[in-house]
Amino acid sequence: MDVTAGRGRCGVGVEAGEVTWVRVRGEMDPVGARTLRRALLEALERPGTREVAVDLRELVFCDSAGLNALLVARLVAVAGGRVLRLVAPGRQVTRLLEITGADCVFTVGDR
């Protein structure tokens, strides 16, 4: 699945497997956040998925709606015994995670 949302500013792509990759690019706004939330929840509900890796390297901006989508997905992952990890967030996204304290609840890495 590869979807563009929010006036074409945000794209979400999903590559399913034992580790499902959700790749996010562009600028996350409320419309894009709904698309992201839906993609993350579908990935977490997919049979056989034990981990969802969210590739943020091409996400240049994320607002509070995008952060909320990530936090909701994390709660669903934990409740289902699955792992949700963030991969390669850029400077703006890293700063958002830090100032909100969300960096303490996510596993964040380069790969």
PDB file of N, CA and C in Angstrom:
ATOM      1  N   MET A   1       0.853  -1.177   0.000  1.00  0.00           N
ATOM      2  CA  MET A   1       0.000   0.000   0.000  1.00  0.00           C
ATOM      3  C   MET A   1       0.893   1.232   0.000  1.00  0.00           C
ATOM      4  N   ASP A   2       0.588   2.169  -0.855  1.00  0.00           N
ATOM      5  CA  ASP A   2       1.290   3.446  -0.872  1.00  0.00           C
ATOM      6  C   ASP A   2       0.229   4.514  -1.064  1.00  0.00           C
ATOM      7  N   VAL A   3       0.047   5.338  -0.044  1.00  0.00           N
ATOM      8  CA  VAL A   3      -1.034   6.318  -0.041  1.00  0.00           C
ATOM      9  C   VAL A   3      -0.457   7.703   0.186  1.00  0.00           C
ATOM     10  N   THR A   4      -0.955   8.680  -0.542  1.00  0.00           N
ATOM     11  CA  THR A   4      -0.596  10.072  -0.305  1.00  0.00           C
ATOM     12  C   THR A   4      -1.821  10.764   0.269  1.00  0.00           C
ATOM     13  N   ALA A   5      -1.610  11.555   1.320  1.00  0.00           N
ATOM     14  CA  ALA A   5      -2.735  12.206   2.003  1.00  0.00           C
ATOM     15  C   ALA A   5      -2.405  13.659   2.290  1.00  0.00           C
ATOM     16  N   GLY A   6      -3.413  14.396   2.714  1.00  0.00           N
ATOM     17  CA  GLY A   6      -3.209  15.773   3.155  1.00  0.00           C
ATOM     18  C   GLY A   6      -2.705  16.682   2.059  1.00  0.00           C
ATOM     19  N   ARG A   7      -3.480  16.803   0.987  1.00  0.00           N
ATOM     20  CA  ARG A   7      -3.106  17.643  -0.150  1.00  0.00           C
ATOM     21  C   ARG A   7      -1.785  17.201  -0.768  1.00  0.00           C
ATOM     22  N   GLY A   8      -1.525  15.893  -0.700  1.00  0.00           N
ATOM     23  CA  GLY A   8      -0.335  15.349  -1.334  1.00  0.00           C
ATOM     24  C   GLY A   8       0.956  15.615  -0.601  1.00  0.00           C
ATOM     25  N   ARG A   9       0.872  16.069   0.641  1.00  0.00           N
ATOM     26  CA  ARG A   9       2.087  16.421   1.365  1.00  0.00           C
ATOM     27  C   ARG A   9       2.680  15.270   2.152  1.00  0.00           C
ATOM     28  N   CYS A  10       1.905  14.221   2.409  1.00  0.00           N
ATOM     29  CA  CYS A  10       2.374  13.121   3.240  1.00  0.00           C
ATOM     30  C   CYS A  10       2.092  11.801   2.538  1.00  0.00           C
ATOM     31  N   GLY A  11       3.073  10.936   2.519  1.00  0.00           N
ATOM     32  CA  GLY A  11       2.887   9.619   1.924  1.00  0.00           C
ATOM     33  C   GLY A  11       3.159   8.535   2.947  1.00  0.00           C
ATOM     34  N   VAL A  12       2.407   7.450   2.869  1.00  0.00           N
ATOM     35  CA  VAL A  12       2.579   6.315   3.770  1.00  0.00           C
ATOM     36  C   VAL A  12       2.627   5.057   2.912  1.00  0.00           C
ATOM     37  N   GLY A  13       3.697   4.287   3.043  1.00  0.00           N
ATOM     38  CA  GLY A  13       3.828   3.029   2.322  1.00  0.00           C
ATOM     39  C   GLY A  13       4.010   1.895   3.303  1.00  0.00           C
ATOM     40  N   VAL A  14       3.460   0.716   2.993  1.00  0.00           N
ATOM     41  CA  VAL A  14       3.536  -0.435   3.892  1.00  0.00           C
ATOM     42  C   VAL A  14       4.114  -1.622   3.138  1.00  0.00           C
ATOM     43  N   GLU A  15       5.070  -2.286   3.766  1.00  0.00           N
ATOM     44  CA  GLU A  15       5.672  -3.505   3.238  1.00  0.00           C
ATOM     45  C   GLU A  15       5.503  -4.574   4.310  1.00  0.00           C
ATOM     46  N   ALA A  16       4.610  -5.532   4.064  1.00  0.00           N
ATOM     47  CA  ALA A  16       4.236  -6.525   5.075  1.00  0.00           C
ATOM     48  C   ALA A  16       5.248  -7.658   5.165  1.00  0.00           C
ATOM     49  N   GLY A  17       5.321  -8.231   6.360  1.00  0.00           N
ATOM     50  CA  GLY A  17       6.180  -9.374   6.629  1.00  0.00           C
ATOM     51  C   GLY A  17       6.199  -9.630   8.121  1.00  0.00           C
ATOM     52  N   GLU A  18       7.106 -10.506   8.558  1.00  0.00           N
ATOM     53  CA  GLU A  18       7.235 -10.745   9.999  1.00  0.00           C
ATOM     54  C   GLU A  18       7.545  -9.429  10.703  1.00  0.00           C
ATOM     55  N   VAL A  19       8.430  -8.657  10.068  1.00  0.00           N
ATOM     56  CA  VAL A  19       8.615  -7.261  10.470  1.00  0.00           C
ATOM     57  C   VAL A  19       7.958  -6.446   9.366  1.00  0.00           C
ATOM     58  N   THR A  20       6.902  -5.742   9.708  1.00  0.00           N
ATOM     59  CA  THR A  20       6.201  -4.912   8.726  1.00  0.00           C
ATOM     60  C   THR A  20       6.788  -3.510   8.771  1.00  0.00           C
ATOM     61  N   TRP A  21       7.165  -3.006   7.604  1.00  0.00           N
ATOM     62  CA  TRP A  21       7.722  -1.662   7.502  1.00  0.00           C
ATOM     63  C   TRP A  21       6.640  -0.690   7.056  1.00  0.00           C
ATOM     64  N   VAL A  22       6.524   0.402   7.799  1.00  0.00           N
ATOM     65  CA  VAL A  22       5.641   1.502   7.418  1.00  0.00           C
ATOM     66  C   VAL A  22       6.556   2.689   7.157  1.00  0.00           C
ATOM     67  N   ARG A  23       6.587   3.132   5.906  1.00  0.00           N
ATOM     68  CA  ARG A  23       7.469   4.239   5.531  1.00  0.00           C
ATOM     69  C   ARG A  23       6.641   5.508   5.373  1.00  0.00           C
ATOM     70  N   VAL A  24       7.090   6.557   6.048  1.00  0.00           N
ATOM     71  CA  VAL A  24       6.349   7.820   6.060  1.00  0.00           C
ATOM     72  C   VAL A  24       7.240   8.889   5.441  1.00  0.00           C
ATOM     73  N   ARG A  25       6.654   9.703   4.558  1.00  0.00           N
ATOM     74  CA  ARG A  25       7.452  10.747   3.914  1.00  0.00           C
ATOM     75  C   ARG A  25       6.642  12.045   3.806  1.00  0.00           C
ATOM     76  N   GLY A  26       7.365  13.134   3.715  1.00  0.00           N
ATOM     77  CA  GLY A  26       6.715  14.433   3.509  1.00  0.00           C
ATOM     78  C   GLY A  26       6.405  15.155   4.803  1.00  0.00           C
ATOM     79  N   GLU A  27       5.269  15.830   4.823  1.00  0.00           N
ATOM     80  CA  GLU A  27       4.841  16.638   5.964  1.00  0.00           C
ATOM     81  C   GLU A  27       3.565  16.052   6.554  1.00  0.00           C
ATOM     82  N   MET A  28       3.627  15.656   7.821  1.00  0.00           N
ATOM     83  CA  MET A  28       2.487  15.034   8.499  1.00  0.00           C
ATOM     84  C   MET A  28       1.546  16.113   9.012  1.00  0.00           C
ATOM     85  N   ASP A  29       0.300  16.057   8.552  1.00  0.00           N
ATOM     86  CA  ASP A  29      -0.754  16.952   9.022  1.00  0.00           C
ATOM     87  C   ASP A  29      -1.908  16.077   9.515  1.00  0.00           C
ATOM     88  N   PRO A  30      -3.011  16.663   9.981  1.00  0.00           N
ATOM     89  CA  PRO A  30      -4.112  15.835  10.498  1.00  0.00           C
ATOM     90  C   PRO A  30      -4.664  14.814   9.500  1.00  0.00           C
ATOM     91  N   VAL A  31      -4.744  15.168   8.230  1.00  0.00           N
ATOM     92  CA  VAL A  31      -5.236  14.216   7.228  1.00  0.00           C
ATOM     93  C   VAL A  31      -4.243  13.067   7.073  1.00  0.00           C
ATOM     94  N   GLY A  32      -2.978  13.397   6.961  1.00  0.00           N
ATOM     95  CA  GLY A  32      -1.941  12.369   6.863  1.00  0.00           C
ATOM     96  C   GLY A  32      -1.874  11.512   8.109  1.00  0.00           C
ATOM     97  N   ALA A  33      -2.133  12.114   9.263  1.00  0.00           N
ATOM     98  CA  ALA A  33      -2.103  11.367  10.528  1.00  0.00           C
ATOM     99  C   ALA A  33      -3.187  10.297  10.556  1.00  0.00           C
ATOM    100  N   ARG A  34      -4.346  10.595   9.999  1.00  0.00           N
ATOM    101  CA  ARG A  34      -5.414   9.577   9.934  1.00  0.00           C
ATOM    102  C   ARG A  34      -4.983   8.411   9.049  1.00  0.00           C
ATOM    103  N   THR A  35      -4.344   8.727   7.942  1.00  0.00           N
ATOM    104  CA  THR A  35      -3.841   7.683   7.043  1.00  0.00           C
ATOM    105  C   THR A  35      -2.771   6.858   7.744  1.00  0.00           C
ATOM    106  N   LEU A  36      -1.871   7.525   8.444  1.00  0.00           N
ATOM    107  CA  LEU A  36      -0.813   6.829   9.174  1.00  0.00           C
ATOM    108  C   LEU A  36      -1.400   5.935  10.254  1.00  0.00           C
ATOM    109  N   ARG A  37      -2.335   6.454  11.028  1.00  0.00           N
ATOM    110  CA  ARG A  37      -2.949   5.663  12.100  1.00  0.00           C
ATOM    111  C   ARG A  37      -3.596   4.400  11.539  1.00  0.00           C
ATOM    112  N   ARG A  38      -4.339   4.568  10.462  1.00  0.00           N
ATOM    113  CA  ARG A  38      -5.007   3.420   9.837  1.00  0.00           C
ATOM    114  C   ARG A  38      -3.975   2.387   9.366  1.00  0.00           C
ATOM    115  N   ALA A  39      -2.904   2.848   8.719  1.00  0.00           N
ATOM    116  CA  ALA A  39      -1.865   1.936   8.225  1.00  0.00           C
ATOM    117  C   ALA A  39      -1.173   1.209   9.374  1.00  0.00           C
ATOM    118  N   LEU A  40      -0.882   1.927  10.452  1.00  0.00           N
ATOM    119  CA  LEU A  40      -0.216   1.306  11.603  1.00  0.00           C
ATOM    120  C   LEU A  40      -1.113   0.276  12.277  1.00  0.00           C
ATOM    121  N   LEU A  41      -2.371   0.622  12.478  1.00  0.00           N
ATOM    122  CA  LEU A  41      -3.287  -0.314  13.142  1.00  0.00           C
ATOM    123  C   LEU A  41      -3.531  -1.550  12.287  1.00  0.00           C
ATOM    124  N   GLU A  42      -3.653  -1.368  10.975  1.00  0.00           N
ATOM    125  CA  GLU A  42      -3.806  -2.524  10.086  1.00  0.00           C
ATOM    126  C   GLU A  42      -2.563  -3.407  10.129  1.00  0.00           C
ATOM    127  N   ALA A  43      -1.392  -2.789  10.152  1.00  0.00           N
ATOM    128  CA  ALA A  43      -0.144  -3.559  10.215  1.00  0.00           C
ATOM    129  C   ALA A  43      -0.051  -4.345  11.519  1.00  0.00           C
ATOM    130  N   LEU A  44      -0.449  -3.730  12.620  1.00  0.00           N
ATOM    131  CA  LEU A  44      -0.379  -4.399  13.923  1.00  0.00           C
ATOM    132  C   LEU A  44      -1.396  -5.529  14.046  1.00  0.00           C
ATOM    133  N   GLU A  45      -2.485  -5.440  13.309  1.00  0.00           N
ATOM    134  CA  GLU A  45      -3.524  -6.474  13.365  1.00  0.00           C
ATOM    135  C   GLU A  45      -3.275  -7.616  12.385  1.00  0.00           C
ATOM    136  N   ARG A  46      -2.317  -7.446  11.481  1.00  0.00           N
ATOM    137  CA  ARG A  46      -2.046  -8.450  10.456  1.00  0.00           C
ATOM    138  C   ARG A  46      -1.488  -9.719  11.103  1.00  0.00           C
ATOM    139  N   PRO A  47      -2.090 -10.880  10.813  1.00  0.00           N
ATOM    140  CA  PRO A  47      -1.585 -12.139  11.381  1.00  0.00           C
ATOM    141  C   PRO A  47      -0.120 -12.378  10.993  1.00  0.00           C
ATOM    142  N   GLY A  48       0.658 -12.824  11.949  1.00  0.00           N
ATOM    143  CA  GLY A  48       2.064 -13.119  11.701  1.00  0.00           C
ATOM    144  C   GLY A  48       3.001 -11.952  11.931  1.00  0.00           C
ATOM    145  N   THR A  49       2.465 -10.760  12.075  1.00  0.00           N
ATOM    146  CA  THR A  49       3.321  -9.597  12.327  1.00  0.00           C
ATOM    147  C   THR A  49       3.679  -9.555  13.801  1.00  0.00           C
ATOM    148  N   ARG A  50       4.970  -9.551  14.090  1.00  0.00           N
ATOM    149  CA  ARG A  50       5.406  -9.456  15.480  1.00  0.00           C
ATOM    150  C   ARG A  50       6.009  -8.081  15.781  1.00  0.00           C
ATOM    151  N   GLU A  51       6.371  -7.375  14.705  1.00  0.00           N
ATOM    152  CA  GLU A  51       7.009  -6.071  14.877  1.00  0.00           C
ATOM    153  C   GLU A  51       6.626  -5.155  13.729  1.00  0.00           C
ATOM    154  N   VAL A  52       6.425  -3.881  14.058  1.00  0.00           N
ATOM    155  CA  VAL A  52       6.198  -2.858  13.040  1.00  0.00           C
ATOM    156  C   VAL A  52       7.300  -1.817  13.196  1.00  0.00           C
ATOM    157  N   ALA A  53       8.043  -1.610  12.119  1.00  0.00           N
ATOM    158  CA  ALA A  53       9.103  -0.608  12.091  1.00  0.00           C
ATOM    159  C   ALA A  53       8.596   0.577  11.277  1.00  0.00           C
ATOM    160  N   VAL A  54       8.647   1.753  11.871  1.00  0.00           N
ATOM    161  CA  VAL A  54       8.147   2.963  11.209  1.00  0.00           C
ATOM    162  C   VAL A  54       9.349   3.771  10.731  1.00  0.00           C
ATOM    163  N   ASP A  55       9.578   3.759   9.434  1.00  0.00           N
ATOM    164  CA  ASP A  55      10.712   4.450   8.827  1.00  0.00           C
ATOM    165  C   ASP A  55      10.345   5.920   8.645  1.00  0.00           C
ATOM    166  N   LEU A  56      11.014   6.772   9.410  1.00  0.00           N
ATOM    167  CA  LEU A  56      10.694   8.204   9.418  1.00  0.00           C
ATOM    168  C   LEU A  56      11.748   9.055   8.716  1.00  0.00           C
ATOM    169  N   ARG A  57      12.709   8.421   8.059  1.00  0.00           N
ATOM    170  CA  ARG A  57      13.835   9.184   7.497  1.00  0.00           C
ATOM    171  C   ARG A  57      13.404  10.233   6.472  1.00  0.00           C
ATOM    172  N   GLU A  58      12.270  10.036   5.794  1.00  0.00           N
ATOM    173  CA  GLU A  58      11.807  11.007   4.792  1.00  0.00           C
ATOM    174  C   GLU A  58      10.667  11.889   5.298  1.00  0.00           C
ATOM    175  N   LEU A  59      10.367  11.791   6.590  1.00  0.00           N
ATOM    176  CA  LEU A  59       9.340  12.655   7.183  1.00  0.00           C
ATOM    177  C   LEU A  59      10.019  13.942   7.645  1.00  0.00           C
ATOM    178  N   VAL A  60       9.670  15.055   7.018  1.00  0.00           N
ATOM    179  CA  VAL A  60      10.344  16.318   7.329  1.00  0.00           C
ATOM    180  C   VAL A  60       9.611  17.147   8.374  1.00  0.00           C
ATOM    181  N   PHE A  61       8.308  16.869   8.567  1.00  0.00           N
ATOM    182  CA  PHE A  61       7.538  17.604   9.570  1.00  0.00           C
ATOM    183  C   PHE A  61       6.463  16.686  10.124  1.00  0.00           C
ATOM    184  N   CYS A  62       6.263  16.764  11.435  1.00  0.00           N
ATOM    185  CA  CYS A  62       5.214  15.984  12.088  1.00  0.00           C
ATOM    186  C   CYS A  62       4.545  16.872  13.127  1.00  0.00           C
ATOM    187  N   ASP A  63       3.213  16.958  13.071  1.00  0.00           N
ATOM    188  CA  ASP A  63       2.487  17.753  14.061  1.00  0.00           C
ATOM    189  C   ASP A  63       1.967  16.847  15.173  1.00  0.00           C
ATOM    190  N   SER A  64       1.183  17.413  16.073  1.00  0.00           N
ATOM    191  CA  SER A  64       0.683  16.645  17.222  1.00  0.00           C
ATOM    192  C   SER A  64      -0.249  15.512  16.796  1.00  0.00           C
ATOM    193  N   ALA A  65      -0.953  15.676  15.684  1.00  0.00           N
ATOM    194  CA  ALA A  65      -1.828  14.599  15.201  1.00  0.00           C
ATOM    195  C   ALA A  65      -1.003  13.392  14.767  1.00  0.00           C
ATOM    196  N   GLY A  66       0.120  13.644  14.129  1.00  0.00           N
ATOM    197  CA  GLY A  66       1.016  12.552  13.739  1.00  0.00           C
ATOM    198  C   GLY A  66       1.609  11.861  14.950  1.00  0.00           C
ATOM    199  N   LEU A  67       2.013  12.646  15.940  1.00  0.00           N
ATOM    200  CA  LEU A  67       2.542  12.073  17.178  1.00  0.00           C
ATOM    201  C   LEU A  67       1.479  11.224  17.861  1.00  0.00           C
ATOM    202  N   ASN A  68       0.253  11.715  17.879  1.00  0.00           N
ATOM    203  CA  ASN A  68      -0.838  10.957  18.487  1.00  0.00           C
ATOM    204  C   ASN A  68      -1.050   9.622  17.774  1.00  0.00           C
ATOM    205  N   ALA A  69      -0.965   9.614  16.449  1.00  0.00           N
ATOM    206  CA  ALA A  69      -1.111   8.362  15.692  1.00  0.00           C
ATOM    207  C   ALA A  69      -0.038   7.362  16.105  1.00  0.00           C
ATOM    208  N   LEU A  70       1.185   7.835  16.287  1.00  0.00           N
ATOM    209  CA  LEU A  70       2.277   6.953  16.717  1.00  0.00           C
ATOM    210  C   LEU A  70       2.043   6.438  18.133  1.00  0.00           C
ATOM    211  N   LEU A  71       1.587   7.318  19.022  1.00  0.00           N
ATOM    212  CA  LEU A  71       1.352   6.914  20.413  1.00  0.00           C
ATOM    213  C   LEU A  71       0.208   5.907  20.529  1.00  0.00           C
ATOM    214  N   VAL A  72      -0.863   6.122  19.781  1.00  0.00           N
ATOM    215  CA  VAL A  72      -1.983   5.172  19.792  1.00  0.00           C
ATOM    216  C   VAL A  72      -1.507   3.813  19.285  1.00  0.00           C
ATOM    217  N   ALA A  73      -0.746   3.820  18.202  1.00  0.00           N
ATOM    218  CA  ALA A  73      -0.235   2.560  17.649  1.00  0.00           C
ATOM    219  C   ALA A  73       0.682   1.857  18.642  1.00  0.00           C
ATOM    220  N   ARG A  74       1.470   2.612  19.376  1.00  0.00           N
ATOM    221  CA  ARG A  74       2.341   2.010  20.384  1.00  0.00           C
ATOM    222  C   ARG A  74       1.518   1.306  21.455  1.00  0.00           C
ATOM    223  N   LEU A  75       0.450   1.947  21.923  1.00  0.00           N
ATOM    224  CA  LEU A  75      -0.414   1.325  22.937  1.00  0.00           C
ATOM    225  C   LEU A  75      -1.030   0.026  22.419  1.00  0.00           C
ATOM    226  N   VAL A  76      -1.482   0.040  21.179  1.00  0.00           N
ATOM    227  CA  VAL A  76      -2.061  -1.159  20.571  1.00  0.00           C
ATOM    228  C   VAL A  76      -1.000  -2.253  20.453  1.00  0.00           C
ATOM    229  N   ALA A  77       0.212  -1.869  20.061  1.00  0.00           N
ATOM    230  CA  ALA A  77       1.304  -2.842  19.938  1.00  0.00           C
ATOM    231  C   ALA A  77       1.603  -3.498  21.278  1.00  0.00           C
ATOM    232  N   VAL A  78       1.757  -2.693  22.309  1.00  0.00           N
ATOM    233  CA  VAL A  78       2.065  -3.216  23.644  1.00  0.00           C
ATOM    234  C   VAL A  78       0.946  -4.131  24.129  1.00  0.00           C
ATOM    235  N   ALA A  79      -0.293  -3.713  23.949  1.00  0.00           N
ATOM    236  CA  ALA A  79      -1.439  -4.522  24.392  1.00  0.00           C
ATOM    237  C   ALA A  79      -1.491  -5.866  23.670  1.00  0.00           C
ATOM    238  N   GLY A  80      -1.017  -5.901  22.430  1.00  0.00           N
ATOM    239  CA  GLY A  80      -1.044  -7.131  21.644  1.00  0.00           C
ATOM    240  C   GLY A  80       0.242  -7.930  21.701  1.00  0.00           C
ATOM    241  N   GLY A  81       1.184  -7.497  22.549  1.00  0.00           N
ATOM    242  CA  GLY A  81       2.448  -8.214  22.665  1.00  0.00           C
ATOM    243  C   GLY A  81       3.353  -8.052  21.452  1.00  0.00           C
ATOM    244  N   ARG A  82       3.184  -6.955  20.744  1.00  0.00           N
ATOM    245  CA  ARG A  82       3.998  -6.687  19.562  1.00  0.00           C
ATOM    246  C   ARG A  82       4.912  -5.499  19.820  1.00  0.00           C
ATOM    247  N   VAL A  83       5.827  -5.289  18.909  1.00  0.00           N
ATOM    248  CA  VAL A  83       6.804  -4.213  19.038  1.00  0.00           C
ATOM    249  C   VAL A  83       6.535  -3.170  17.958  1.00  0.00           C
ATOM    250  N   LEU A  84       6.573  -1.903  18.349  1.00  0.00           N
ATOM    251  CA  LEU A  84       6.519  -0.790  17.404  1.00  0.00           C
ATOM    252  C   LEU A  84       7.780   0.015  17.644  1.00  0.00           C
ATOM    253  N   ARG A  85       8.595   0.166  16.604  1.00  0.00           N
ATOM    254  CA  ARG A  85       9.813   0.957  16.763  1.00  0.00           C
ATOM    255  C   ARG A  85       9.907   2.015  15.679  1.00  0.00           C
ATOM    256  N   LEU A  86      10.553   3.112  16.022  1.00  0.00           N
ATOM    257  CA  LEU A  86      10.739   4.228  15.101  1.00  0.00           C
ATOM    258  C   LEU A  86      12.150   4.166  14.540  1.00  0.00           C
ATOM    259  N   VAL A  87      12.271   4.378  13.238  1.00  0.00           N
ATOM    260  CA  VAL A  87      13.561   4.266  12.571  1.00  0.00           C
ATOM    261  C   VAL A  87      13.935   5.597  11.922  1.00  0.00           C
ATOM    262  N   ALA A  88      15.116   6.072  12.257  1.00  0.00           N
ATOM    263  CA  ALA A  88      15.747   7.224  11.613  1.00  0.00           C
ATOM    264  C   ALA A  88      14.889   8.487  11.562  1.00  0.00           C
ATOM    265  N   PRO A  89      14.327   8.912  12.702  1.00  0.00           N
ATOM    266  CA  PRO A  89      13.584  10.176  12.660  1.00  0.00           C
ATOM    267  C   PRO A  89      14.540  11.343  12.404  1.00  0.00           C
ATOM    268  N   GLY A  90      14.080  12.296  11.623  1.00  0.00           N
ATOM    269  CA  GLY A  90      14.883  13.482  11.350  1.00  0.00           C
ATOM    270  C   GLY A  90      14.918  14.420  12.548  1.00  0.00           C
ATOM    271  N   ARG A  91      15.565  15.527  12.352  1.00  0.00           N
ATOM    272  CA  ARG A  91      15.783  16.487  13.440  1.00  0.00           C
ATOM    273  C   ARG A  91      14.477  17.021  14.033  1.00  0.00           C
ATOM    274  N   GLN A  92      13.538  17.410  13.181  1.00  0.00           N
ATOM    275  CA  GLN A  92      12.276  17.978  13.677  1.00  0.00           C
ATOM    276  C   GLN A  92      11.468  16.938  14.434  1.00  0.00           C
ATOM    277  N   VAL A  93      11.414  15.729  13.898  1.00  0.00           N
ATOM    278  CA  VAL A  93      10.651  14.666  14.557  1.00  0.00           C
ATOM    279  C   VAL A  93      11.320  14.282  15.876  1.00  0.00           C
ATOM    280  N   THR A  94      12.638  14.198  15.881  1.00  0.00           N
ATOM    281  CA  THR A  94      13.367  13.895  17.117  1.00  0.00           C
ATOM    282  C   THR A  94      13.086  14.954  18.171  1.00  0.00           C
ATOM    283  N   ARG A  95      13.094  16.202  17.765  1.00  0.00           N
ATOM    284  CA  ARG A  95      12.815  17.307  18.701  1.00  0.00           C
ATOM    285  C   ARG A  95      11.394  17.200  19.253  1.00  0.00           C
ATOM    286  N   LEU A  96      10.424  16.878  18.404  1.00  0.00           N
ATOM    287  CA  LEU A  96       9.037  16.699  18.842  1.00  0.00           C
ATOM    288  C   LEU A  96       8.955  15.582  19.882  1.00  0.00           C
ATOM    289  N   LEU A  97       9.623  14.477  19.624  1.00  0.00           N
ATOM    290  CA  LEU A  97       9.630  13.361  20.579  1.00  0.00           C
ATOM    291  C   LEU A  97      10.251  13.791  21.910  1.00  0.00           C
ATOM    292  N   GLU A  98      11.337  14.554  21.847  1.00  0.00           N
ATOM    293  CA  GLU A  98      12.033  14.981  23.067  1.00  0.00           C
ATOM    294  C   GLU A  98      11.204  15.955  23.901  1.00  0.00           C
ATOM    295  N   ILE A  99      10.642  16.981  23.271  1.00  0.00           N
ATOM    296  CA  ILE A  99       9.943  17.999  24.070  1.00  0.00           C
ATOM    297  C   ILE A  99       8.615  17.500  24.626  1.00  0.00           C
ATOM    298  N   THR A 100       8.076  16.441  24.035  1.00  0.00           N
ATOM    299  CA  THR A 100       6.830  15.866  24.553  1.00  0.00           C
ATOM    300  C   THR A 100       7.084  14.704  25.507  1.00  0.00           C
ATOM    301  N   GLY A 101       8.333  14.267  25.606  1.00  0.00           N
ATOM    302  CA  GLY A 101       8.658  13.120  26.457  1.00  0.00           C
ATOM    303  C   GLY A 101       8.386  11.784  25.788  1.00  0.00           C
ATOM    304  N   ALA A 102       7.925  11.807  24.552  1.00  0.00           N
ATOM    305  CA  ALA A 102       7.607  10.562  23.840  1.00  0.00           C
ATOM    306  C   ALA A 102       8.858   9.758  23.509  1.00  0.00           C
ATOM    307  N   ASP A 103      10.020  10.412  23.510  1.00  0.00           N
ATOM    308  CA  ASP A 103      11.259   9.675  23.241  1.00  0.00           C
ATOM    309  C   ASP A 103      11.524   8.612  24.301  1.00  0.00           C
ATOM    310  N   CYS A 104      10.921   8.757  25.467  1.00  0.00           N
ATOM    311  CA  CYS A 104      11.108   7.793  26.562  1.00  0.00           C
ATOM    312  C   CYS A 104      10.230   6.552  26.412  1.00  0.00           C
ATOM    313  N   VAL A 105       9.213   6.600  25.572  1.00  0.00           N
ATOM    314  CA  VAL A 105       8.309   5.451  25.448  1.00  0.00           C
ATOM    315  C   VAL A 105       8.520   4.668  24.155  1.00  0.00           C
ATOM    316  N   PHE A 106       9.221   5.244  23.200  1.00  0.00           N
ATOM    317  CA  PHE A 106       9.472   4.558  21.934  1.00  0.00           C
ATOM    318  C   PHE A 106      10.876   3.985  21.896  1.00  0.00           C
ATOM    319  N   THR A 107      11.019   2.886  21.180  1.00  0.00           N
ATOM    320  CA  THR A 107      12.336   2.393  20.802  1.00  0.00           C
ATOM    321  C   THR A 107      12.676   3.111  19.506  1.00  0.00           C
ATOM    322  N   VAL A 108      13.799   3.832  19.510  1.00  0.00           N
ATOM    323  CA  VAL A 108      14.196   4.620  18.347  1.00  0.00           C
ATOM    324  C   VAL A 108      15.590   4.180  17.930  1.00  0.00           C
ATOM    325  N   GLY A 109      15.781   3.959  16.634  1.00  0.00           N
ATOM    326  CA  GLY A 109      17.092   3.552  16.139  1.00  0.00           C
ATOM    327  C   GLY A 109      17.330   4.033  14.724  1.00  0.00           C
ATOM    328  N   ASP A 110      18.524   3.716  14.227  1.00  0.00           N
ATOM    329  CA  ASP A 110      18.904   4.114  12.870  1.00  0.00           C
ATOM    330  C   ASP A 110      18.458   3.109  11.815  1.00  0.00           C
ATOM    331  N   ARG A 111      18.174   1.857  12.241  1.00  0.00           N
ATOM    332  CA  ARG A 111      17.753   0.804  11.296  1.00  0.00           C
ATOM    333  C   ARG A 111      16.627  -0.004  11.870  1.00  0.00           C
TER     334      ARG A 111
END
